[in-house]
Amino acid sequence: MRTKTKVVTAGAAALVVAGAAATVSVATGSDDQPLEGSQLERATAAALAHTGEGLVVESEVGDGAASYEVEVRLDDGSVVEVQLDERFDVIGDAIDDDGNEGSDDDEGTGDDA
């Protein structure tokens, strides 16, 4: 009888953990799948080669046209999202406004006199 109780208790605990993980995902609205292992290494190398500098702050399996997406924080504090195809070739990039909240600098406007 004790073995049956332990199995039921372990099963209930597993359901609680799974339910909590699902709740966090739904609550944050995030279903992003971070890159790992060789995918992370290859995507990081491609993104940093493209930006020429910076620190990778986030990576994920892409949605839409990109197979992979890597966010790179540049030395000036701005964040660039680099989109990669399935061969880890760059297919696009964009300034990530989410990673650069509160920044109103005018660098790169060409107004240097």
PDB file of N, CA and C in Angstrom:
ATOM      1  N   MET A   1       0.816  -1.198   0.000  1.00  0.00           N
ATOM      2  CA  MET A   1       0.000   0.000   0.000  1.00  0.00           C
ATOM      3  C   MET A   1       0.858   1.258   0.000  1.00  0.00           C
ATOM      4  N   ARG A   2       2.007   1.221   0.674  1.00  0.00           N
ATOM      5  CA  ARG A   2       2.862   2.409   0.726  1.00  0.00           C
ATOM      6  C   ARG A   2       3.445   2.739  -0.644  1.00  0.00           C
ATOM      7  N   THR A   3       3.781   1.728  -1.438  1.00  0.00           N
ATOM      8  CA  THR A   3       4.336   1.961  -2.774  1.00  0.00           C
ATOM      9  C   THR A   3       3.322   2.684  -3.642  1.00  0.00           C
ATOM     10  N   LYS A   4       2.057   2.294  -3.559  1.00  0.00           N
ATOM     11  CA  LYS A   4       1.007   2.943  -4.341  1.00  0.00           C
ATOM     12  C   LYS A   4       0.868   4.406  -3.936  1.00  0.00           C
ATOM     13  N   THR A   5       0.961   4.698  -2.654  1.00  0.00           N
ATOM     14  CA  THR A   5       0.876   6.073  -2.163  1.00  0.00           C
ATOM     15  C   THR A   5       2.039   6.906  -2.686  1.00  0.00           C
ATOM     16  N   LYS A   6       3.252   6.330  -2.685  1.00  0.00           N
ATOM     17  CA  LYS A   6       4.425   7.054  -3.182  1.00  0.00           C
ATOM     18  C   LYS A   6       4.290   7.358  -4.670  1.00  0.00           C
ATOM     19  N   VAL A   7       3.790   6.413  -5.447  1.00  0.00           N
ATOM     20  CA  VAL A   7       3.626   6.604  -6.881  1.00  0.00           C
ATOM     21  C   VAL A   7       2.596   7.697  -7.150  1.00  0.00           C
ATOM     22  N   VAL A   8       1.488   7.662  -6.438  1.00  0.00           N
ATOM     23  CA  VAL A   8       0.448   8.672  -6.607  1.00  0.00           C
ATOM     24  C   VAL A   8       0.978  10.044  -6.205  1.00  0.00           C
ATOM     25  N   THR A   9       1.712  10.125  -5.109  1.00  0.00           N
ATOM     26  CA  THR A   9       2.280  11.392  -4.652  1.00  0.00           C
ATOM     27  C   THR A   9       3.285  11.938  -5.657  1.00  0.00           C
ATOM     28  N   ALA A  10       4.158  11.082  -6.186  1.00  0.00           N
ATOM     29  CA  ALA A  10       5.143  11.508  -7.180  1.00  0.00           C
ATOM     30  C   ALA A  10       4.449  11.987  -8.447  1.00  0.00           C
ATOM     31  N   GLY A  11       3.407  11.288  -8.857  1.00  0.00           N
ATOM     32  CA  GLY A  11       2.661  11.689 -10.055  1.00  0.00           C
ATOM     33  C   GLY A  11       1.978  13.034  -9.864  1.00  0.00           C
ATOM     34  N   ALA A  12       1.397  13.236  -8.697  1.00  0.00           N
ATOM     35  CA  ALA A  12       0.740  14.515  -8.404  1.00  0.00           C
ATOM     36  C   ALA A  12       1.755  15.649  -8.382  1.00  0.00           C
ATOM     37  N   ALA A  13       2.937  15.403  -7.818  1.00  0.00           N
ATOM     38  CA  ALA A  13       3.983  16.420  -7.781  1.00  0.00           C
ATOM     39  C   ALA A  13       4.438  16.779  -9.193  1.00  0.00           C
ATOM     40  N   ALA A  14       4.561  15.786 -10.053  1.00  0.00           N
ATOM     41  CA  ALA A  14       4.966  16.037 -11.441  1.00  0.00           C
ATOM     42  C   ALA A  14       3.921  16.884 -12.156  1.00  0.00           C
ATOM     43  N   LEU A  15       2.646  16.626 -11.916  1.00  0.00           N
ATOM     44  CA  LEU A  15       1.596  17.429 -12.531  1.00  0.00           C
ATOM     45  C   LEU A  15       1.623  18.869 -12.039  1.00  0.00           C
ATOM     46  N   VAL A  16       1.900  19.071 -10.774  1.00  0.00           N
ATOM     47  CA  VAL A  16       1.987  20.427 -10.218  1.00  0.00           C
ATOM     48  C   VAL A  16       3.130  21.187 -10.877  1.00  0.00           C
ATOM     49  N   VAL A  17       4.291  20.553 -11.008  1.00  0.00           N
ATOM     50  CA  VAL A  17       5.440  21.200 -11.632  1.00  0.00           C
ATOM     51  C   VAL A  17       5.144  21.521 -13.092  1.00  0.00           C
ATOM     52  N   ALA A  18       4.578  20.580 -13.822  1.00  0.00           N
ATOM     53  CA  ALA A  18       4.252  20.801 -15.235  1.00  0.00           C
ATOM     54  C   ALA A  18       3.226  21.919 -15.377  1.00  0.00           C
ATOM     55  N   GLY A  19       2.234  21.924 -14.505  1.00  0.00           N
ATOM     56  CA  GLY A  19       1.218  22.980 -14.541  1.00  0.00           C
ATOM     57  C   GLY A  19       1.802  24.341 -14.233  1.00  0.00           C
ATOM     58  N   ALA A  20       2.729  24.411 -13.290  1.00  0.00           N
ATOM     59  CA  ALA A  20       3.370  25.682 -12.952  1.00  0.00           C
ATOM     60  C   ALA A  20       4.194  26.195 -14.118  1.00  0.00           C
ATOM     61  N   ALA A  21       4.916  25.327 -14.791  1.00  0.00           N
ATOM     62  CA  ALA A  21       5.721  25.735 -15.946  1.00  0.00           C
ATOM     63  C   ALA A  21       4.825  26.259 -17.063  1.00  0.00           C
ATOM     64  N   ALA A  22       3.714  25.587 -17.305  1.00  0.00           N
ATOM     65  CA  ALA A  22       2.786  26.030 -18.341  1.00  0.00           C
ATOM     66  C   ALA A  22       2.162  27.369 -17.971  1.00  0.00           C
ATOM     67  N   THR A  23       1.857  27.559 -16.704  1.00  0.00           N
ATOM     68  CA  THR A  23       1.271  28.813 -16.242  1.00  0.00           C
ATOM     69  C   THR A  23       2.243  29.962 -16.434  1.00  0.00           C
ATOM     70  N   VAL A  24       3.510  29.762 -16.118  1.00  0.00           N
ATOM     71  CA  VAL A  24       4.513  30.808 -16.292  1.00  0.00           C
ATOM     72  C   VAL A  24       4.621  31.168 -17.763  1.00  0.00           C
ATOM     73  N   SER A  25       4.641  30.178 -18.639  1.00  0.00           N
ATOM     74  CA  SER A  25       4.745  30.434 -20.070  1.00  0.00           C
ATOM     75  C   SER A  25       3.550  31.234 -20.571  1.00  0.00           C
ATOM     76  N   VAL A  26       2.355  30.876 -20.157  1.00  0.00           N
ATOM     77  CA  VAL A  26       1.158  31.582 -20.572  1.00  0.00           C
ATOM     78  C   VAL A  26       1.127  32.976 -19.968  1.00  0.00           C
ATOM     79  N   ALA A  27       1.488  33.108 -18.706  1.00  0.00           N
ATOM     80  CA  ALA A  27       1.439  34.400 -18.028  1.00  0.00           C
ATOM     81  C   ALA A  27       2.407  35.396 -18.641  1.00  0.00           C
ATOM     82  N   THR A  28       3.578  34.941 -19.060  1.00  0.00           N
ATOM     83  CA  THR A  28       4.555  35.854 -19.651  1.00  0.00           C
ATOM     84  C   THR A  28       4.336  36.015 -21.136  1.00  0.00           C
ATOM     85  N   GLY A  29       3.481  35.197 -21.732  1.00  0.00           N
ATOM     86  CA  GLY A  29       3.235  35.270 -23.161  1.00  0.00           C
ATOM     87  C   GLY A  29       4.430  34.811 -23.976  1.00  0.00           C
ATOM     88  N   SER A  30       5.318  34.069 -23.363  1.00  0.00           N
ATOM     89  CA  SER A  30       6.548  33.671 -24.027  1.00  0.00           C
ATOM     90  C   SER A  30       6.548  32.183 -24.315  1.00  0.00           C
ATOM     91  N   ASP A  31       6.708  31.865 -25.584  1.00  0.00           N
ATOM     92  CA  ASP A  31       6.891  30.471 -25.953  1.00  0.00           C
ATOM     93  C   ASP A  31       8.220  30.330 -26.695  1.00  0.00           C
ATOM     94  N   ASP A  32       9.131  31.289 -26.447  1.00  0.00           N
ATOM     95  CA  ASP A  32      10.445  31.275 -27.074  1.00  0.00           C
ATOM     96  C   ASP A  32      11.231  30.065 -26.615  1.00  0.00           C
ATOM     97  N   GLN A  33      11.898  29.439 -27.572  1.00  0.00           N
ATOM     98  CA  GLN A  33      12.738  28.291 -27.268  1.00  0.00           C
ATOM     99  C   GLN A  33      14.190  28.727 -27.445  1.00  0.00           C
ATOM    100  N   PRO A  34      14.947  28.851 -26.347  1.00  0.00           N
ATOM    101  CA  PRO A  34      16.338  29.299 -26.465  1.00  0.00           C
ATOM    102  C   PRO A  34      17.202  28.272 -27.192  1.00  0.00           C
ATOM    103  N   LEU A  35      18.219  28.770 -27.877  1.00  0.00           N
ATOM    104  CA  LEU A  35      19.158  27.885 -28.563  1.00  0.00           C
ATOM    105  C   LEU A  35      20.106  27.267 -27.552  1.00  0.00           C
ATOM    106  N   GLU A  36      20.579  26.067 -27.864  1.00  0.00           N
ATOM    107  CA  GLU A  36      21.515  25.361 -26.991  1.00  0.00           C
ATOM    108  C   GLU A  36      22.565  24.664 -27.836  1.00  0.00           C
ATOM    109  N   GLY A  37      23.671  24.295 -27.211  1.00  0.00           N
ATOM    110  CA  GLY A  37      24.693  23.474 -27.844  1.00  0.00           C
ATOM    111  C   GLY A  37      25.274  24.077 -29.105  1.00  0.00           C
ATOM    112  N   SER A  38      25.422  23.243 -30.131  1.00  0.00           N
ATOM    113  CA  SER A  38      26.057  23.696 -31.363  1.00  0.00           C
ATOM    114  C   SER A  38      25.218  24.740 -32.091  1.00  0.00           C
ATOM    115  N   GLN A  39      23.888  24.690 -31.950  1.00  0.00           N
ATOM    116  CA  GLN A  39      23.054  25.726 -32.558  1.00  0.00           C
ATOM    117  C   GLN A  39      23.383  27.084 -31.959  1.00  0.00           C
ATOM    118  N   LEU A  40      23.513  27.129 -30.636  1.00  0.00           N
ATOM    119  CA  LEU A  40      23.848  28.381 -29.964  1.00  0.00           C
ATOM    120  C   LEU A  40      25.230  28.871 -30.386  1.00  0.00           C
ATOM    121  N   GLU A  41      26.202  27.971 -30.451  1.00  0.00           N
ATOM    122  CA  GLU A  41      27.561  28.352 -30.845  1.00  0.00           C
ATOM    123  C   GLU A  41      27.589  28.914 -32.261  1.00  0.00           C
ATOM    124  N   ARG A  42      26.933  28.232 -33.188  1.00  0.00           N
ATOM    125  CA  ARG A  42      26.941  28.675 -34.592  1.00  0.00           C
ATOM    126  C   ARG A  42      26.175  29.983 -34.775  1.00  0.00           C
ATOM    127  N   ALA A  43      25.041  30.110 -34.111  1.00  0.00           N
ATOM    128  CA  ALA A  43      24.246  31.334 -34.216  1.00  0.00           C
ATOM    129  C   ALA A  43      24.985  32.519 -33.591  1.00  0.00           C
ATOM    130  N   THR A  44      25.642  32.285 -32.461  1.00  0.00           N
ATOM    131  CA  THR A  44      26.424  33.340 -31.802  1.00  0.00           C
ATOM    132  C   THR A  44      27.554  33.811 -32.708  1.00  0.00           C
ATOM    133  N   ALA A  45      28.289  32.869 -33.290  1.00  0.00           N
ATOM    134  CA  ALA A  45      29.410  33.223 -34.174  1.00  0.00           C
ATOM    135  C   ALA A  45      28.917  34.030 -35.375  1.00  0.00           C
ATOM    136  N   ALA A  46      27.816  33.624 -35.975  1.00  0.00           N
ATOM    137  CA  ALA A  46      27.282  34.331 -37.142  1.00  0.00           C
ATOM    138  C   ALA A  46      26.804  35.737 -36.777  1.00  0.00           C
ATOM    139  N   ALA A  47      26.102  35.858 -35.653  1.00  0.00           N
ATOM    140  CA  ALA A  47      25.581  37.166 -35.244  1.00  0.00           C
ATOM    141  C   ALA A  47      26.714  38.131 -34.897  1.00  0.00           C
ATOM    142  N   LEU A  48      27.717  37.650 -34.157  1.00  0.00           N
ATOM    143  CA  LEU A  48      28.837  38.527 -33.787  1.00  0.00           C
ATOM    144  C   LEU A  48      29.688  38.892 -34.994  1.00  0.00           C
ATOM    145  N   ALA A  49      29.829  37.982 -35.952  1.00  0.00           N
ATOM    146  CA  ALA A  49      30.553  38.308 -37.185  1.00  0.00           C
ATOM    147  C   ALA A  49      29.796  39.402 -37.946  1.00  0.00           C
ATOM    148  N   HIS A  50      28.478  39.351 -37.897  1.00  0.00           N
ATOM    149  CA  HIS A  50      27.650  40.343 -38.593  1.00  0.00           C
ATOM    150  C   HIS A  50      27.726  41.713 -37.916  1.00  0.00           C
ATOM    151  N   THR A  51      27.628  41.735 -36.590  1.00  0.00           N
ATOM    152  CA  THR A  51      27.624  43.017 -35.878  1.00  0.00           C
ATOM    153  C   THR A  51      29.031  43.559 -35.669  1.00  0.00           C
ATOM    154  N   GLY A  52      30.035  42.675 -35.659  1.00  0.00           N
ATOM    155  CA  GLY A  52      31.418  43.105 -35.477  1.00  0.00           C
ATOM    156  C   GLY A  52      31.799  43.369 -34.041  1.00  0.00           C
ATOM    157  N   GLU A  53      30.868  43.294 -33.130  1.00  0.00           N
ATOM    158  CA  GLU A  53      31.126  43.561 -31.714  1.00  0.00           C
ATOM    159  C   GLU A  53      29.918  43.104 -30.909  1.00  0.00           C
ATOM    160  N   GLY A  54      30.053  43.179 -29.597  1.00  0.00           N
ATOM    161  CA  GLY A  54      28.897  43.001 -28.739  1.00  0.00           C
ATOM    162  C   GLY A  54      28.887  41.726 -27.930  1.00  0.00           C
ATOM    163  N   LEU A  55      27.788  41.563 -27.219  1.00  0.00           N
ATOM    164  CA  LEU A  55      27.564  40.444 -26.322  1.00  0.00           C
ATOM    165  C   LEU A  55      26.184  39.876 -26.608  1.00  0.00           C
ATOM    166  N   VAL A  56      26.109  38.579 -26.832  1.00  0.00           N
ATOM    167  CA  VAL A  56      24.816  37.942 -27.067  1.00  0.00           C
ATOM    168  C   VAL A  56      24.038  37.932 -25.752  1.00  0.00           C
ATOM    169  N   VAL A  57      22.832  38.503 -25.780  1.00  0.00           N
ATOM    170  CA  VAL A  57      22.012  38.581 -24.575  1.00  0.00           C
ATOM    171  C   VAL A  57      20.793  37.675 -24.635  1.00  0.00           C
ATOM    172  N   GLU A  58      20.458  37.189 -25.851  1.00  0.00           N
ATOM    173  CA  GLU A  58      19.312  36.289 -25.977  1.00  0.00           C
ATOM    174  C   GLU A  58      19.399  35.577 -27.321  1.00  0.00           C
ATOM    175  N   SER A  59      18.912  34.363 -27.343  1.00  0.00           N
ATOM    176  CA  SER A  59      18.832  33.612 -28.596  1.00  0.00           C
ATOM    177  C   SER A  59      17.575  32.767 -28.547  1.00  0.00           C
ATOM    178  N   GLU A  60      17.048  32.477 -29.735  1.00  0.00           N
ATOM    179  CA  GLU A  60      15.852  31.651 -29.779  1.00  0.00           C
ATOM    180  C   GLU A  60      15.661  31.057 -31.159  1.00  0.00           C
ATOM    181  N   VAL A  61      14.902  29.980 -31.190  1.00  0.00           N
ATOM    182  CA  VAL A  61      14.470  29.426 -32.463  1.00  0.00           C
ATOM    183  C   VAL A  61      13.554  30.471 -33.073  1.00  0.00           C
ATOM    184  N   GLY A  62      13.773  30.773 -34.332  1.00  0.00           N
ATOM    185  CA  GLY A  62      13.047  31.860 -34.976  1.00  0.00           C
ATOM    186  C   GLY A  62      11.581  31.585 -35.194  1.00  0.00           C
ATOM    187  N   ASP A  63      10.880  32.662 -35.441  1.00  0.00           N
ATOM    188  CA  ASP A  63       9.493  32.554 -35.846  1.00  0.00           C
ATOM    189  C   ASP A  63       9.365  33.356 -37.138  1.00  0.00           C
ATOM    190  N   GLY A  64       8.507  32.930 -38.010  1.00  0.00           N
ATOM    191  CA  GLY A  64       8.391  33.613 -39.298  1.00  0.00           C
ATOM    192  C   GLY A  64       9.457  33.128 -40.260  1.00  0.00           C
ATOM    193  N   ALA A  65      10.083  34.052 -40.978  1.00  0.00           N
ATOM    194  CA  ALA A  65      11.051  33.706 -42.021  1.00  0.00           C
ATOM    195  C   ALA A  65      12.385  33.230 -41.461  1.00  0.00           C
ATOM    196  N   ALA A  66      12.754  33.669 -40.272  1.00  0.00           N
ATOM    197  CA  ALA A  66      14.054  33.318 -39.693  1.00  0.00           C
ATOM    198  C   ALA A  66      13.989  31.975 -38.968  1.00  0.00           C
ATOM    199  N   SER A  67      15.043  31.178 -39.140  1.00  0.00           N
ATOM    200  CA  SER A  67      15.144  29.915 -38.405  1.00  0.00           C
ATOM    201  C   SER A  67      15.668  30.155 -36.994  1.00  0.00           C
ATOM    202  N   TYR A  68      16.538  31.170 -36.862  1.00  0.00           N
ATOM    203  CA  TYR A  68      17.152  31.498 -35.570  1.00  0.00           C
ATOM    204  C   TYR A  68      17.192  33.012 -35.419  1.00  0.00           C
ATOM    205  N   GLU A  69      17.099  33.476 -34.167  1.00  0.00           N
ATOM    206  CA  GLU A  69      17.214  34.897 -33.875  1.00  0.00           C
ATOM    207  C   GLU A  69      18.171  35.063 -32.704  1.00  0.00           C
ATOM    208  N   VAL A  70      19.076  36.036 -32.828  1.00  0.00           N
ATOM    209  CA  VAL A  70      20.064  36.294 -31.793  1.00  0.00           C
ATOM    210  C   VAL A  70      20.057  37.792 -31.495  1.00  0.00           C
ATOM    211  N   GLU A  71      19.924  38.157 -30.215  1.00  0.00           N
ATOM    212  CA  GLU A  71      19.989  39.557 -29.815  1.00  0.00           C
ATOM    213  C   GLU A  71      21.391  39.847 -29.296  1.00  0.00           C
ATOM    214  N   VAL A  72      21.999  40.906 -29.852  1.00  0.00           N
ATOM    215  CA  VAL A  72      23.361  41.289 -29.497  1.00  0.00           C
ATOM    216  C   VAL A  72      23.332  42.699 -28.925  1.00  0.00           C
ATOM    217  N   ARG A  73      23.871  42.868 -27.701  1.00  0.00           N
ATOM    218  CA  ARG A  73      24.000  44.203 -27.101  1.00  0.00           C
ATOM    219  C   ARG A  73      25.342  44.765 -27.563  1.00  0.00           C
ATOM    220  N   LEU A  74      25.275  45.876 -28.291  1.00  0.00           N
ATOM    221  CA  LEU A  74      26.481  46.510 -28.810  1.00  0.00           C
ATOM    222  C   LEU A  74      27.167  47.335 -27.733  1.00  0.00           C
ATOM    223  N   ASP A  75      28.387  47.755 -28.013  1.00  0.00           N
ATOM    224  CA  ASP A  75      29.159  48.521 -27.033  1.00  0.00           C
ATOM    225  C   ASP A  75      28.474  49.820 -26.637  1.00  0.00           C
ATOM    226  N   ASP A  76      27.651  50.398 -27.533  1.00  0.00           N
ATOM    227  CA  ASP A  76      26.950  51.649 -27.212  1.00  0.00           C
ATOM    228  C   ASP A  76      25.668  51.414 -26.416  1.00  0.00           C
ATOM    229  N   GLY A  77      25.360  50.147 -26.102  1.00  0.00           N
ATOM    230  CA  GLY A  77      24.185  49.816 -25.306  1.00  0.00           C
ATOM    231  C   GLY A  77      22.957  49.441 -26.116  1.00  0.00           C
ATOM    232  N   SER A  78      22.973  49.720 -27.413  1.00  0.00           N
ATOM    233  CA  SER A  78      21.829  49.350 -28.240  1.00  0.00           C
ATOM    234  C   SER A  78      21.819  47.838 -28.452  1.00  0.00           C
ATOM    235  N   VAL A  79      20.659  47.320 -28.792  1.00  0.00           N
ATOM    236  CA  VAL A  79      20.509  45.884 -29.012  1.00  0.00           C
ATOM    237  C   VAL A  79      20.041  45.662 -30.442  1.00  0.00           C
ATOM    238  N   VAL A  80      20.740  44.772 -31.138  1.00  0.00           N
ATOM    239  CA  VAL A  80      20.389  44.418 -32.507  1.00  0.00           C
ATOM    240  C   VAL A  80      19.921  42.971 -32.519  1.00  0.00           C
ATOM    241  N   GLU A  81      18.784  42.731 -33.159  1.00  0.00           N
ATOM    242  CA  GLU A  81      18.301  41.367 -33.334  1.00  0.00           C
ATOM    243  C   GLU A  81      18.735  40.908 -34.723  1.00  0.00           C
ATOM    244  N   VAL A  82      19.520  39.847 -34.770  1.00  0.00           N
ATOM    245  CA  VAL A  82      20.026  39.300 -36.034  1.00  0.00           C
ATOM    246  C   VAL A  82      19.218  38.054 -36.364  1.00  0.00           C
ATOM    247  N   GLN A  83      18.650  38.034 -37.576  1.00  0.00           N
ATOM    248  CA  GLN A  83      17.872  36.882 -38.019  1.00  0.00           C
ATOM    249  C   GLN A  83      18.749  36.016 -38.929  1.00  0.00           C
ATOM    250  N   LEU A  84      18.696  34.704 -38.692  1.00  0.00           N
ATOM    251  CA  LEU A  84      19.514  33.744 -39.434  1.00  0.00           C
ATOM    252  C   LEU A  84      18.632  32.686 -40.090  1.00  0.00           C
ATOM    253  N   ASP A  85      19.090  32.187 -41.241  1.00  0.00           N
ATOM    254  CA  ASP A  85      18.360  31.091 -41.882  1.00  0.00           C
ATOM    255  C   ASP A  85      18.847  29.748 -41.334  1.00  0.00           C
ATOM    256  N   GLU A  86      18.364  28.655 -41.908  1.00  0.00           N
ATOM    257  CA  GLU A  86      18.698  27.317 -41.391  1.00  0.00           C
ATOM    258  C   GLU A  86      20.181  26.974 -41.540  1.00  0.00           C
ATOM    259  N   ARG A  87      20.903  27.695 -42.411  1.00  0.00           N
ATOM    260  CA  ARG A  87      22.351  27.466 -42.580  1.00  0.00           C
ATOM    261  C   ARG A  87      23.176  28.454 -41.762  1.00  0.00           C
ATOM    262  N   PHE A  88      22.509  29.234 -40.900  1.00  0.00           N
ATOM    263  CA  PHE A  88      23.149  30.242 -40.049  1.00  0.00           C
ATOM    264  C   PHE A  88      23.704  31.408 -40.859  1.00  0.00           C
ATOM    265  N   ASP A  89      23.118  31.655 -42.034  1.00  0.00           N
ATOM    266  CA  ASP A  89      23.452  32.835 -42.820  1.00  0.00           C
ATOM    267  C   ASP A  89      22.520  33.963 -42.389  1.00  0.00           C
ATOM    268  N   VAL A  90      23.062  35.194 -42.308  1.00  0.00           N
ATOM    269  CA  VAL A  90      22.260  36.343 -41.902  1.00  0.00           C
ATOM    270  C   VAL A  90      21.277  36.681 -43.014  1.00  0.00           C
ATOM    271  N   ILE A  91      20.004  36.799 -42.629  1.00  0.00           N
ATOM    272  CA  ILE A  91      18.978  37.189 -43.594  1.00  0.00           C
ATOM    273  C   ILE A  91      18.346  38.525 -43.230  1.00  0.00           C
ATOM    274  N   GLY A  92      18.752  39.098 -42.105  1.00  0.00           N
ATOM    275  CA  GLY A  92      18.225  40.401 -41.708  1.00  0.00           C
ATOM    276  C   GLY A  92      18.674  40.781 -40.317  1.00  0.00           C
ATOM    277  N   ASP A  93      18.474  42.047 -39.999  1.00  0.00           N
ATOM    278  CA  ASP A  93      18.716  42.531 -38.641  1.00  0.00           C
ATOM    279  C   ASP A  93      17.839  43.742 -38.387  1.00  0.00           C
ATOM    280  N   ALA A  94      17.640  44.044 -37.134  1.00  0.00           N
ATOM    281  CA  ALA A  94      16.818  45.184 -36.755  1.00  0.00           C
ATOM    282  C   ALA A  94      17.212  45.631 -35.352  1.00  0.00           C
ATOM    283  N   ILE A  95      17.084  46.920 -35.105  1.00  0.00           N
ATOM    284  CA  ILE A  95      17.287  47.432 -33.752  1.00  0.00           C
ATOM    285  C   ILE A  95      16.153  46.887 -32.899  1.00  0.00           C
ATOM    286  N   ASP A  96      16.491  46.340 -31.751  1.00  0.00           N
ATOM    287  CA  ASP A  96      15.496  45.772 -30.841  1.00  0.00           C
ATOM    288  C   ASP A  96      15.104  46.835 -29.830  1.00  0.00           C
ATOM    289  N   ASP A  97      13.943  47.452 -30.044  1.00  0.00           N
ATOM    290  CA  ASP A  97      13.482  48.508 -29.148  1.00  0.00           C
ATOM    291  C   ASP A  97      13.212  48.001 -27.740  1.00  0.00           C
ATOM    292  N   ASP A  98      12.837  46.725 -27.594  1.00  0.00           N
ATOM    293  CA  ASP A  98      12.566  46.164 -26.267  1.00  0.00           C
ATOM    294  C   ASP A  98      13.815  46.155 -25.412  1.00  0.00           C
ATOM    295  N   GLY A  99      14.983  45.914 -26.002  1.00  0.00           N
ATOM    296  CA  GLY A  99      16.227  45.826 -25.256  1.00  0.00           C
ATOM    297  C   GLY A  99      16.907  47.147 -25.040  1.00  0.00           C
ATOM    298  N   ASN A 100      16.316  48.237 -25.545  1.00  0.00           N
ATOM    299  CA  ASN A 100      16.966  49.536 -25.468  1.00  0.00           C
ATOM    300  C   ASN A 100      16.008  50.583 -24.924  1.00  0.00           C
ATOM    301  N   GLU A 101      15.203  50.205 -23.958  1.00  0.00           N
ATOM    302  CA  GLU A 101      14.219  51.114 -23.395  1.00  0.00           C
ATOM    303  C   GLU A 101      14.896  52.285 -22.707  1.00  0.00           C
ATOM    304  N   GLY A 102      14.338  53.461 -22.923  1.00  0.00           N
ATOM    305  CA  GLY A 102      14.817  54.648 -22.235  1.00  0.00           C
ATOM    306  C   GLY A 102      16.012  55.306 -22.884  1.00  0.00           C
ATOM    307  N   SER A 103      16.470  54.820 -24.019  1.00  0.00           N
ATOM    308  CA  SER A 103      17.622  55.409 -24.679  1.00  0.00           C
ATOM    309  C   SER A 103      17.143  56.366 -25.753  1.00  0.00           C
ATOM    310  N   ASP A 104      17.549  57.622 -25.653  1.00  0.00           N
ATOM    311  CA  ASP A 104      17.150  58.627 -26.629  1.00  0.00           C
ATOM    312  C   ASP A 104      18.349  59.281 -27.287  1.00  0.00           C
ATOM    313  N   ASP A 105      19.499  58.597 -27.340  1.00  0.00           N
ATOM    314  CA  ASP A 105      20.666  59.226 -27.928  1.00  0.00           C
ATOM    315  C   ASP A 105      20.515  59.306 -29.438  1.00  0.00           C
ATOM    316  N   ASP A 106      21.285  60.213 -30.049  1.00  0.00           N
ATOM    317  CA  ASP A 106      21.178  60.456 -31.483  1.00  0.00           C
ATOM    318  C   ASP A 106      22.384  59.922 -32.237  1.00  0.00           C
ATOM    319  N   GLU A 107      23.086  58.950 -31.690  1.00  0.00           N
ATOM    320  CA  GLU A 107      24.252  58.404 -32.376  1.00  0.00           C
ATOM    321  C   GLU A 107      23.830  57.796 -33.692  1.00  0.00           C
ATOM    322  N   GLY A 108      24.692  57.967 -34.687  1.00  0.00           N
ATOM    323  CA  GLY A 108      24.436  57.352 -35.982  1.00  0.00           C
ATOM    324  C   GLY A 108      23.505  58.129 -36.860  1.00  0.00           C
ATOM    325  N   THR A 109      23.161  59.375 -36.504  1.00  0.00           N
ATOM    326  CA  THR A 109      22.254  60.163 -37.320  1.00  0.00           C
ATOM    327  C   THR A 109      22.974  60.935 -38.399  1.00  0.00           C
ATOM    328  N   GLY A 110      24.314  60.994 -38.338  1.00  0.00           N
ATOM    329  CA  GLY A 110      25.079  61.705 -39.345  1.00  0.00           C
ATOM    330  C   GLY A 110      25.087  63.200 -39.129  1.00  0.00           C
ATOM    331  N   ASP A 111      24.709  63.661 -37.943  1.00  0.00           N
ATOM    332  CA  ASP A 111      24.654  65.093 -37.658  1.00  0.00           C
ATOM    333  C   ASP A 111      25.945  65.633 -37.051  1.00  0.00           C
ATOM    334  N   ASP A 112      27.017  64.867 -37.099  1.00  0.00           N
ATOM    335  CA  ASP A 112      28.276  65.330 -36.529  1.00  0.00           C
ATOM    336  C   ASP A 112      28.815  66.473 -37.372  1.00  0.00           C
ATOM    337  N   ALA A 113      29.078  67.610 -36.739  1.00  0.00           N
ATOM    338  CA  ALA A 113      29.601  68.752 -37.486  1.00  0.00           C
ATOM    339  C   ALA A 113      30.967  69.149 -37.012  1.00  0.00           C
TER     340      ALA A 113
END
